[in-house]
């Protein structure tokens, strides 16, 4: 099977006003941050790497811990490959923020970084203060769930829909004397390829009602075939039309209800009902 090629000029832009405001606020708040927890969805580690955010972080002396989150929804072998790859440059922790799995391994690097930052401030004769930590990432990668687990209470709103955290959040006291701040999920202003858009939609980082649904659904079906996972569907399908027929989603006259078929596929992908999937393997599959 040939590797999926992106249609030309497939860039997609969805950057509403609240995201623009959140980006300006985040840029300002980074000036007072000591440590960033950068969350990636383990199913799409490549697309979760917000280029503008990484550029901003590179300009500031901010410590970073990268978290491969939602590992329970990803392929375990691929997660190990990605974690090893990312550890070449970053401290990486694997976890599932909603259940709190992985929180133990996260506490060790948090404690080590806090000690290093405290020593640095002491060496510069600066007054002691709590280490300030910010949780960042795309919409719906699990930032608020992670914050709640860290502080041991529901201090941030969580849910399946992206965009629940908006506006400036307050500091929350966390473990090891940390002060923690949640941030709204922010997409990069321009999604360059259809494949990237499909992956972000499948994982709920982009709302399915703002994308060209039929095109994205068809690409996800093709991607499942490329990854050798078509057997997880009710029957192997390469098009949304075929999927709707297989599921019996028909309108009057036997016309396939494409809208219903697309909604079914998006929900199956988002809820992990098709099994553990890493949509972005570290090494792309070949024929």
Protein backbone atom coordinates (compact mmCIF):
# COMPACT_ATOMS: atom_id res chain seq x y z
CA UNK A 1 0.00 0.00 0.00
CA UNK A 2 1.31 3.43 -0.86
CA UNK A 3 1.96 5.98 1.86
CA UNK A 4 -0.84 8.53 1.98
CA UNK A 5 0.09 11.69 0.15
CA UNK A 6 -1.37 14.97 1.33
CA UNK A 7 -3.46 16.85 -1.20
CA UNK A 8 -1.78 20.10 -2.28
CA UNK A 9 -2.51 23.30 -0.38
CA UNK A 10 -4.24 21.44 2.43
CA UNK A 11 -3.50 23.95 5.17
CA UNK A 12 -6.31 24.50 7.64
CA UNK A 13 -6.63 27.39 10.03
CA UNK A 14 -8.82 27.51 13.12
CA UNK A 15 -7.59 30.09 15.62
CA UNK A 16 -10.60 31.74 17.28
CA UNK A 17 -10.41 34.91 19.33
CA UNK A 18 -10.12 33.19 22.70
CA UNK A 19 -7.05 31.30 21.46
CA UNK A 20 -5.41 34.54 20.29
CA UNK A 21 -6.00 36.08 23.71
CA UNK A 22 -4.77 32.93 25.44
CA UNK A 23 -1.59 32.94 23.36
CA UNK A 24 -0.79 36.54 24.27
CA UNK A 25 -1.45 35.74 27.94
CA UNK A 26 0.72 32.62 27.84
CA UNK A 27 3.60 34.53 26.26
CA UNK A 28 3.40 37.08 29.07
CA UNK A 29 3.13 34.47 31.83
CA UNK A 30 6.14 32.53 30.59
CA UNK A 31 8.28 35.40 31.85
CA UNK A 32 7.54 34.41 35.46
CA UNK A 33 7.68 30.61 35.04
CA UNK A 34 10.51 28.36 36.25
CA UNK A 35 9.26 25.01 34.97
CA UNK A 36 6.95 23.88 32.16
CA UNK A 37 5.14 20.56 31.93
CA UNK A 38 4.67 20.09 28.18
CA UNK A 39 1.91 17.56 27.47
CA UNK A 40 1.76 15.46 24.31
CA UNK A 41 -0.96 13.00 23.37
CA UNK A 42 0.92 9.70 23.03
CA UNK A 43 -1.19 8.85 19.97
CA UNK A 44 0.07 11.87 18.01
CA UNK A 45 3.41 12.97 19.53
CA UNK A 46 4.50 14.73 16.36
CA UNK A 47 1.41 16.89 15.83
CA UNK A 48 1.29 17.87 19.52
CA UNK A 49 4.60 19.68 19.28
CA UNK A 50 3.30 23.23 18.97
CA UNK A 51 6.00 25.00 16.89
CA UNK A 52 5.32 28.53 18.16
CA UNK A 53 5.29 27.36 21.76
CA UNK A 54 8.57 25.49 21.32
CA UNK A 55 10.09 28.61 19.76
CA UNK A 56 8.95 30.71 22.73
CA UNK A 57 10.34 28.22 25.23
CA UNK A 58 13.69 28.13 23.44
CA UNK A 59 14.10 31.88 24.06
CA UNK A 60 13.69 31.58 27.83
CA UNK A 61 15.67 29.78 30.57
CA UNK A 62 12.68 27.62 31.45
CA UNK A 63 13.11 24.03 32.64
CA UNK A 64 10.92 21.49 30.82
CA UNK A 65 9.46 18.06 31.47
CA UNK A 66 7.72 16.46 28.49
CA UNK A 67 4.80 14.15 29.27
CA UNK A 68 3.51 11.49 26.90
CA UNK A 69 -0.07 11.43 28.12
CA UNK A 70 -2.96 9.05 27.37
CA UNK A 71 -0.57 6.14 26.92
CA UNK A 72 -3.47 3.77 27.62
CA UNK A 73 -4.98 4.79 24.27
CA UNK A 74 -1.76 4.44 22.25
CA UNK A 75 0.20 1.44 20.98
CA UNK A 76 2.55 0.47 23.83
CA UNK A 77 5.47 -0.44 21.54
CA UNK A 78 5.21 2.87 19.68
CA UNK A 79 5.04 4.77 22.97
CA UNK A 80 8.30 3.17 24.08
CA UNK A 81 9.94 4.16 20.79
CA UNK A 82 8.70 7.73 21.05
CA UNK A 83 9.74 8.03 24.70
CA UNK A 84 13.27 6.82 23.91
CA UNK A 85 13.48 9.22 20.97
CA UNK A 86 12.29 12.25 22.95
CA UNK A 87 14.56 11.42 25.90
CA UNK A 88 17.54 12.22 23.71
CA UNK A 89 16.73 15.90 24.32
CA UNK A 90 14.18 16.09 27.16
CA UNK A 91 13.12 14.64 30.47
CA UNK A 92 10.13 12.46 29.48
CA UNK A 93 7.44 10.85 31.63
CA UNK A 94 4.74 8.48 30.37
CA UNK A 95 1.37 8.72 32.06
CA UNK A 96 -2.40 8.74 31.87
CA UNK A 97 -3.42 11.97 33.57
CA UNK A 98 -7.09 11.15 34.07
CA UNK A 99 -6.39 8.06 36.18
CA UNK A 100 -3.17 9.47 37.60
CA UNK A 101 -1.09 6.55 36.32
CA UNK A 102 2.48 7.76 35.95
CA UNK A 103 2.18 10.44 38.61
CA UNK A 104 4.78 8.65 40.76
CA UNK A 105 7.50 8.79 38.08
CA UNK A 106 6.66 12.45 37.51
CA UNK A 107 7.29 13.39 41.14
CA UNK A 108 10.95 12.36 40.99
CA UNK A 109 11.99 14.72 38.15
CA UNK A 110 9.80 17.43 39.68
CA UNK A 111 11.66 17.13 42.98
CA UNK A 112 15.06 17.08 41.25
CA UNK A 113 14.26 20.15 39.18
CA UNK A 114 12.98 21.99 42.24
CA UNK A 115 16.21 21.27 44.11
CA UNK A 116 18.25 22.50 41.15
CA UNK A 117 16.22 25.70 40.82
CA UNK A 118 16.39 26.34 44.58
CA UNK A 119 20.16 25.92 44.49
CA UNK A 120 20.42 28.30 41.55
CA UNK A 121 18.43 30.99 43.36
CA UNK A 122 20.45 30.48 46.53
CA UNK A 123 23.69 30.84 44.58
CA UNK A 124 22.49 34.17 43.23
CA UNK A 125 21.48 35.33 46.73
CA UNK A 126 17.83 35.54 45.72
CA UNK A 127 15.05 35.22 48.26
CA UNK A 128 13.48 31.80 48.57
CA UNK A 129 10.09 31.42 46.87
CA UNK A 130 7.95 28.57 45.52
CA UNK A 131 8.95 27.17 42.16
CA UNK A 132 6.42 28.29 39.55
CA UNK A 133 5.18 25.62 37.20
CA UNK A 134 2.95 25.92 34.14
CA UNK A 135 1.08 23.10 32.37
CA UNK A 136 0.96 23.66 28.59
CA UNK A 137 -0.19 21.81 25.48
CA UNK A 138 -2.80 21.61 22.76
CA UNK A 139 -6.53 21.54 23.59
CA UNK A 140 -7.71 18.28 25.15
CA UNK A 141 -4.32 16.70 25.84
CA UNK A 142 -5.17 16.40 29.56
CA UNK A 143 -3.64 19.51 31.12
CA UNK A 144 -6.41 20.19 33.63
CA UNK A 145 -6.70 16.52 34.61
CA UNK A 146 -2.98 16.45 35.31
CA UNK A 147 -3.14 19.61 37.39
CA UNK A 148 -5.99 18.17 39.47
CA UNK A 149 -4.01 15.00 40.12
CA UNK A 150 -0.92 16.98 41.11
CA UNK A 151 -2.73 19.11 43.66
CA UNK A 152 -5.03 16.32 44.84
CA UNK A 153 -8.32 18.09 44.20
CA UNK A 154 -10.54 19.33 41.37
CA UNK A 155 -9.13 22.81 40.93
CA UNK A 156 -9.42 22.92 37.12
CA UNK A 157 -12.37 22.14 34.85
CA UNK A 158 -12.03 18.94 32.83
CA UNK A 159 -14.04 17.23 30.11
CA UNK A 160 -13.92 15.53 26.73
CA UNK A 161 -14.47 18.67 24.69
CA UNK A 162 -11.48 20.88 23.84
CA UNK A 163 -11.46 24.46 25.05
CA UNK A 164 -12.86 24.06 28.57
CA UNK A 165 -10.04 26.07 30.14
CA UNK A 166 -10.23 29.71 29.11
CA UNK A 167 -8.89 32.94 30.53
CA UNK A 168 -6.19 33.47 33.12
CA UNK A 169 -6.07 30.81 35.83
CA UNK A 170 -4.94 31.34 39.39
CA UNK A 171 -1.90 29.87 41.06
CA UNK A 172 -2.61 26.57 42.83
CA UNK A 173 -0.39 25.10 45.53
CA UNK A 174 1.04 21.72 44.54
CA UNK A 175 3.46 19.12 45.92
CA UNK A 176 7.08 19.87 46.80
CA UNK A 177 6.19 23.52 47.47
CA UNK A 178 5.31 24.14 43.83
CA UNK A 179 2.95 26.82 42.57
CA UNK A 180 1.08 25.52 39.51
CA UNK A 181 -0.86 27.33 36.80
CA UNK A 182 -3.11 25.72 34.22
CA UNK A 183 -3.31 27.24 30.74
CA UNK A 184 -5.91 27.10 27.98
CA UNK A 185 -5.19 24.69 25.16
CA UNK A 186 -3.85 26.56 22.15
CA UNK A 187 -3.59 25.25 18.61
CA UNK A 188 -0.96 26.52 16.25
CA UNK A 189 -2.56 29.06 13.90
CA UNK A 190 -1.98 27.03 10.74
CA UNK A 191 -2.32 23.25 10.38
CA UNK A 192 -0.20 22.47 7.36
CA UNK A 193 -1.50 19.12 6.08
CA UNK A 194 -4.71 17.11 5.84
CA UNK A 195 -3.04 14.20 7.61
CA UNK A 196 -2.16 16.38 10.58
CA UNK A 197 -5.69 17.78 10.68
CA UNK A 198 -7.14 14.25 10.61
CA UNK A 199 -4.94 13.13 13.49
CA UNK A 200 -5.81 16.17 15.60
CA UNK A 201 -9.50 15.60 14.92
CA UNK A 202 -9.32 11.89 15.76
CA UNK A 203 -7.80 12.72 19.15
CA UNK A 204 -10.20 15.57 19.92
CA UNK A 205 -7.66 18.39 19.74
CA UNK A 206 -9.70 20.06 17.01
CA UNK A 207 -13.49 20.08 17.20
CA UNK A 208 -14.94 17.82 14.52
CA UNK A 209 -17.68 20.36 13.76
CA UNK A 210 -15.18 22.96 12.49
CA UNK A 211 -13.32 20.71 10.03
CA UNK A 212 -14.36 19.44 6.57
CA UNK A 213 -15.83 16.32 8.14
CA UNK A 214 -16.22 14.02 5.14
CA UNK A 215 -12.72 14.66 3.83
CA UNK A 216 -11.19 14.13 7.26
CA UNK A 217 -13.22 10.97 7.88
CA UNK A 218 -12.13 9.50 4.55
CA UNK A 219 -8.51 10.24 5.36
CA UNK A 220 -8.83 8.53 8.75
CA UNK A 221 -10.21 5.43 7.05
CA UNK A 222 -7.27 5.45 4.64
CA UNK A 223 -4.89 5.96 7.55
CA UNK A 224 -6.33 2.96 9.40
CA UNK A 225 -5.73 0.88 6.28
CA UNK A 226 -2.17 2.16 6.00
CA UNK A 227 -1.50 1.24 9.64
CA UNK A 228 -2.96 -2.23 9.05
CA UNK A 229 -5.89 -1.59 11.39
CA UNK A 230 -8.90 -1.74 9.05
CA UNK A 231 -9.99 -5.01 10.67
CA UNK A 232 -10.98 -3.01 13.75
CA UNK A 233 -13.87 -1.53 11.78
CA UNK A 234 -17.18 -3.44 11.44
CA UNK A 235 -15.79 -4.45 8.04
CA UNK A 236 -12.76 -3.19 6.10
CA UNK A 237 -13.76 0.14 4.55
CA UNK A 238 -11.74 2.62 2.56
CA UNK A 239 -14.42 5.29 2.14
CA UNK A 240 -17.07 6.92 4.29
CA UNK A 241 -19.68 5.74 1.80
CA UNK A 242 -18.66 2.12 2.38
CA UNK A 243 -18.60 2.59 6.14
CA UNK A 244 -22.10 4.06 6.18
CA UNK A 245 -23.39 1.13 4.14
CA UNK A 246 -21.74 -1.41 6.45
CA UNK A 247 -23.27 0.27 9.51
CA UNK A 248 -26.70 0.58 7.92
CA UNK A 249 -26.71 4.37 8.17
CA UNK A 250 -29.15 4.99 5.34
CA UNK A 251 -31.54 7.80 4.48
CA UNK A 252 -34.67 7.50 2.39
CA UNK A 253 -34.02 5.98 -1.00
CA UNK A 254 -31.02 4.04 0.29
CA UNK A 255 -28.75 7.09 0.30
CA UNK A 256 -25.88 6.74 2.79
CA UNK A 257 -26.07 9.13 5.76
CA UNK A 258 -22.50 10.39 5.50
CA UNK A 259 -22.94 12.79 8.41
CA UNK A 260 -23.94 9.99 10.76
CA UNK A 261 -21.13 7.75 9.50
CA UNK A 262 -18.55 10.51 10.06
CA UNK A 263 -19.85 11.18 13.57
CA UNK A 264 -19.64 7.46 14.36
CA UNK A 265 -16.03 7.27 13.17
CA UNK A 266 -14.93 10.38 15.07
CA UNK A 267 -16.51 9.07 18.28
CA UNK A 268 -14.91 5.65 17.88
CA UNK A 269 -11.50 7.21 17.39
CA UNK A 270 -11.80 9.73 20.21
CA UNK A 271 -13.11 7.25 22.79
CA UNK A 272 -10.54 4.59 21.93
CA UNK A 273 -13.22 2.11 20.84
CA UNK A 274 -11.08 1.00 17.90
CA UNK A 275 -8.38 -0.13 20.32
CA UNK A 276 -4.98 1.36 21.09
CA UNK A 277 -3.77 3.37 18.11
CA UNK A 278 -0.68 5.47 17.57
CA UNK A 279 -1.70 7.54 14.57
CA UNK A 280 1.84 8.88 14.23
CA UNK A 281 4.39 6.07 14.56
CA UNK A 282 7.94 7.24 15.03
CA UNK A 283 8.78 5.52 11.74
CA UNK A 284 6.09 5.64 9.08
CA UNK A 285 4.89 2.24 7.80
CA UNK A 286 6.02 1.08 4.38
CA UNK A 287 4.32 -1.32 2.00
